[in-house]
Amino acid sequence: VLAGRLAPGWQAAFDEGVSAAFALADGPMTLDEALERCAELLADRAESLVRLLRAMPGA
């Protein structure tokens, strides 16, 4: 799951079959800033996840 933020208790998603969750925000920011940077933040986080998957043995 890629989400704007991970709220307290987000780990309950594991019970619903979610394997991992990642916040898009790369640090503290206002909602307005997060919305303005949404495309950039999503692209950055997606790239990081792809790099992580490629670095795994057998990838």
N, C-alpha and C. Protein backbone atom coordinates (compact mmCIF):
# COMPACT_ATOMS: atom_id res chain seq x y z
N VAL A 1 0.84 -1.17 0.00
CA VAL A 1 0.00 0.00 0.00
C VAL A 1 0.89 1.24 0.00
N LEU A 2 0.60 2.16 -0.86
CA LEU A 2 1.21 3.49 -0.84
C LEU A 2 0.12 4.46 -0.38
N ALA A 3 0.39 5.18 0.69
CA ALA A 3 -0.60 6.09 1.25
C ALA A 3 0.04 7.44 1.52
N GLY A 4 -0.78 8.46 1.57
CA GLY A 4 -0.27 9.78 1.87
C GLY A 4 0.44 9.82 3.21
N ARG A 5 -0.13 9.13 4.19
CA ARG A 5 0.50 8.98 5.50
C ARG A 5 0.00 7.69 6.13
N LEU A 6 0.70 7.23 7.13
CA LEU A 6 0.29 6.05 7.87
C LEU A 6 -0.19 6.52 9.24
N ALA A 7 -1.49 6.43 9.45
CA ALA A 7 -2.09 6.90 10.69
C ALA A 7 -1.86 5.88 11.81
N PRO A 8 -1.96 6.31 13.05
CA PRO A 8 -1.83 5.36 14.15
C PRO A 8 -2.77 4.17 13.97
N GLY A 9 -2.25 2.99 14.20
CA GLY A 9 -3.03 1.77 14.05
C GLY A 9 -3.02 1.18 12.65
N TRP A 10 -2.23 1.75 11.76
CA TRP A 10 -2.21 1.27 10.37
C TRP A 10 -1.83 -0.20 10.26
N GLN A 11 -1.12 -0.72 11.26
CA GLN A 11 -0.68 -2.12 11.22
C GLN A 11 -1.85 -3.09 11.20
N ALA A 12 -3.03 -2.65 11.57
CA ALA A 12 -4.22 -3.51 11.51
C ALA A 12 -4.48 -3.96 10.08
N ALA A 13 -3.96 -3.25 9.11
CA ALA A 13 -4.13 -3.64 7.70
C ALA A 13 -3.48 -4.99 7.42
N PHE A 14 -2.48 -5.36 8.20
CA PHE A 14 -1.85 -6.67 8.02
C PHE A 14 -2.87 -7.79 8.19
N ASP A 15 -3.83 -7.61 9.09
CA ASP A 15 -4.87 -8.61 9.32
C ASP A 15 -5.81 -8.74 8.13
N GLU A 16 -5.79 -7.76 7.24
CA GLU A 16 -6.65 -7.78 6.05
C GLU A 16 -5.89 -8.24 4.81
N GLY A 17 -4.65 -8.70 4.99
CA GLY A 17 -3.88 -9.22 3.87
C GLY A 17 -2.85 -8.27 3.30
N VAL A 18 -2.73 -7.09 3.84
CA VAL A 18 -1.71 -6.15 3.37
C VAL A 18 -0.35 -6.65 3.83
N SER A 19 0.61 -6.69 2.92
CA SER A 19 1.96 -7.16 3.25
C SER A 19 2.89 -6.05 3.71
N ALA A 20 2.69 -4.85 3.18
CA ALA A 20 3.55 -3.72 3.52
C ALA A 20 2.81 -2.42 3.22
N ALA A 21 3.22 -1.37 3.90
CA ALA A 21 2.63 -0.05 3.68
C ALA A 21 3.72 1.00 3.75
N PHE A 22 3.60 2.00 2.90
CA PHE A 22 4.61 3.05 2.82
C PHE A 22 3.91 4.40 2.69
N ALA A 23 4.42 5.38 3.42
CA ALA A 23 3.89 6.74 3.33
C ALA A 23 4.55 7.48 2.18
N LEU A 24 3.79 8.29 1.48
CA LEU A 24 4.35 9.08 0.39
C LEU A 24 5.18 10.24 0.91
N ALA A 25 4.75 10.85 1.99
CA ALA A 25 5.44 12.03 2.51
C ALA A 25 6.87 11.67 2.90
N ASP A 26 7.80 12.54 2.53
CA ASP A 26 9.20 12.31 2.85
C ASP A 26 9.64 13.11 4.07
N GLY A 27 8.69 13.64 4.79
CA GLY A 27 8.96 14.40 6.00
C GLY A 27 7.71 15.18 6.38
N PRO A 28 7.79 15.94 7.45
CA PRO A 28 6.64 16.74 7.86
C PRO A 28 6.28 17.75 6.77
N MET A 29 4.98 17.88 6.50
CA MET A 29 4.51 18.86 5.52
C MET A 29 3.04 19.11 5.74
N THR A 30 2.60 20.23 5.27
CA THR A 30 1.18 20.56 5.36
C THR A 30 0.42 19.75 4.31
N LEU A 31 -0.89 19.66 4.51
CA LEU A 31 -1.72 18.98 3.53
C LEU A 31 -1.61 19.66 2.17
N ASP A 32 -1.59 20.98 2.16
CA ASP A 32 -1.47 21.72 0.90
C ASP A 32 -0.18 21.36 0.17
N GLU A 33 0.93 21.28 0.92
CA GLU A 33 2.21 20.91 0.31
C GLU A 33 2.16 19.48 -0.22
N ALA A 34 1.58 18.58 0.55
CA ALA A 34 1.49 17.18 0.12
C ALA A 34 0.67 17.06 -1.15
N LEU A 35 -0.43 17.79 -1.22
CA LEU A 35 -1.27 17.74 -2.42
C LEU A 35 -0.54 18.34 -3.62
N GLU A 36 0.18 19.42 -3.38
CA GLU A 36 0.93 20.07 -4.46
C GLU A 36 2.04 19.16 -4.99
N ARG A 37 2.66 18.38 -4.11
CA ARG A 37 3.80 17.53 -4.48
C ARG A 37 3.40 16.08 -4.70
N CYS A 38 2.12 15.78 -4.76
CA CYS A 38 1.64 14.40 -4.82
C CYS A 38 2.31 13.58 -5.92
N ALA A 39 2.34 14.08 -7.13
CA ALA A 39 2.93 13.33 -8.25
C ALA A 39 4.40 13.05 -8.00
N GLU A 40 5.13 14.05 -7.52
CA GLU A 40 6.56 13.89 -7.23
C GLU A 40 6.77 12.86 -6.12
N LEU A 41 6.00 12.97 -5.05
CA LEU A 41 6.15 12.05 -3.92
C LEU A 41 5.82 10.62 -4.32
N LEU A 42 4.76 10.44 -5.10
CA LEU A 42 4.38 9.11 -5.57
C LEU A 42 5.46 8.52 -6.45
N ALA A 43 5.99 9.31 -7.37
CA ALA A 43 7.05 8.82 -8.26
C ALA A 43 8.30 8.44 -7.47
N ASP A 44 8.67 9.25 -6.49
CA ASP A 44 9.86 8.96 -5.67
C ASP A 44 9.68 7.67 -4.89
N ARG A 45 8.53 7.52 -4.26
CA ARG A 45 8.29 6.32 -3.44
C ARG A 45 8.21 5.08 -4.33
N ALA A 46 7.56 5.18 -5.47
CA ALA A 46 7.47 4.04 -6.39
C ALA A 46 8.86 3.64 -6.87
N GLU A 47 9.69 4.61 -7.20
CA GLU A 47 11.05 4.29 -7.64
C GLU A 47 11.82 3.58 -6.52
N SER A 48 11.69 4.05 -5.31
CA SER A 48 12.38 3.41 -4.18
C SER A 48 11.92 1.97 -4.00
N LEU A 49 10.63 1.73 -4.15
CA LEU A 49 10.10 0.37 -4.00
C LEU A 49 10.59 -0.54 -5.12
N VAL A 50 10.63 -0.05 -6.34
CA VAL A 50 11.14 -0.84 -7.45
C VAL A 50 12.61 -1.17 -7.22
N ARG A 51 13.39 -0.21 -6.77
CA ARG A 51 14.80 -0.46 -6.48
C ARG A 51 14.96 -1.52 -5.38
N LEU A 52 14.11 -1.45 -4.36
CA LEU A 52 14.15 -2.44 -3.29
C LEU A 52 13.84 -3.83 -3.83
N LEU A 53 12.81 -3.94 -4.64
CA LEU A 53 12.44 -5.24 -5.21
C LEU A 53 13.54 -5.80 -6.11
N ARG A 54 14.16 -4.94 -6.90
CA ARG A 54 15.25 -5.39 -7.78
C ARG A 54 16.48 -5.83 -7.00
N ALA A 55 16.68 -5.29 -5.81
CA ALA A 55 17.84 -5.62 -5.00
C ALA A 55 17.67 -6.94 -4.24
N MET A 56 16.45 -7.46 -4.24
CA MET A 56 16.19 -8.70 -3.51
C MET A 56 16.79 -9.89 -4.25
N PRO A 57 17.28 -10.87 -3.52
CA PRO A 57 17.82 -12.07 -4.17
C PRO A 57 16.78 -12.71 -5.09
N GLY A 58 17.21 -13.11 -6.26
CA GLY A 58 16.32 -13.76 -7.21
C GLY A 58 15.51 -12.80 -8.06
N ALA A 59 15.71 -11.50 -7.86
CA ALA A 59 14.94 -10.53 -8.64
C ALA A 59 15.52 -10.35 -10.02
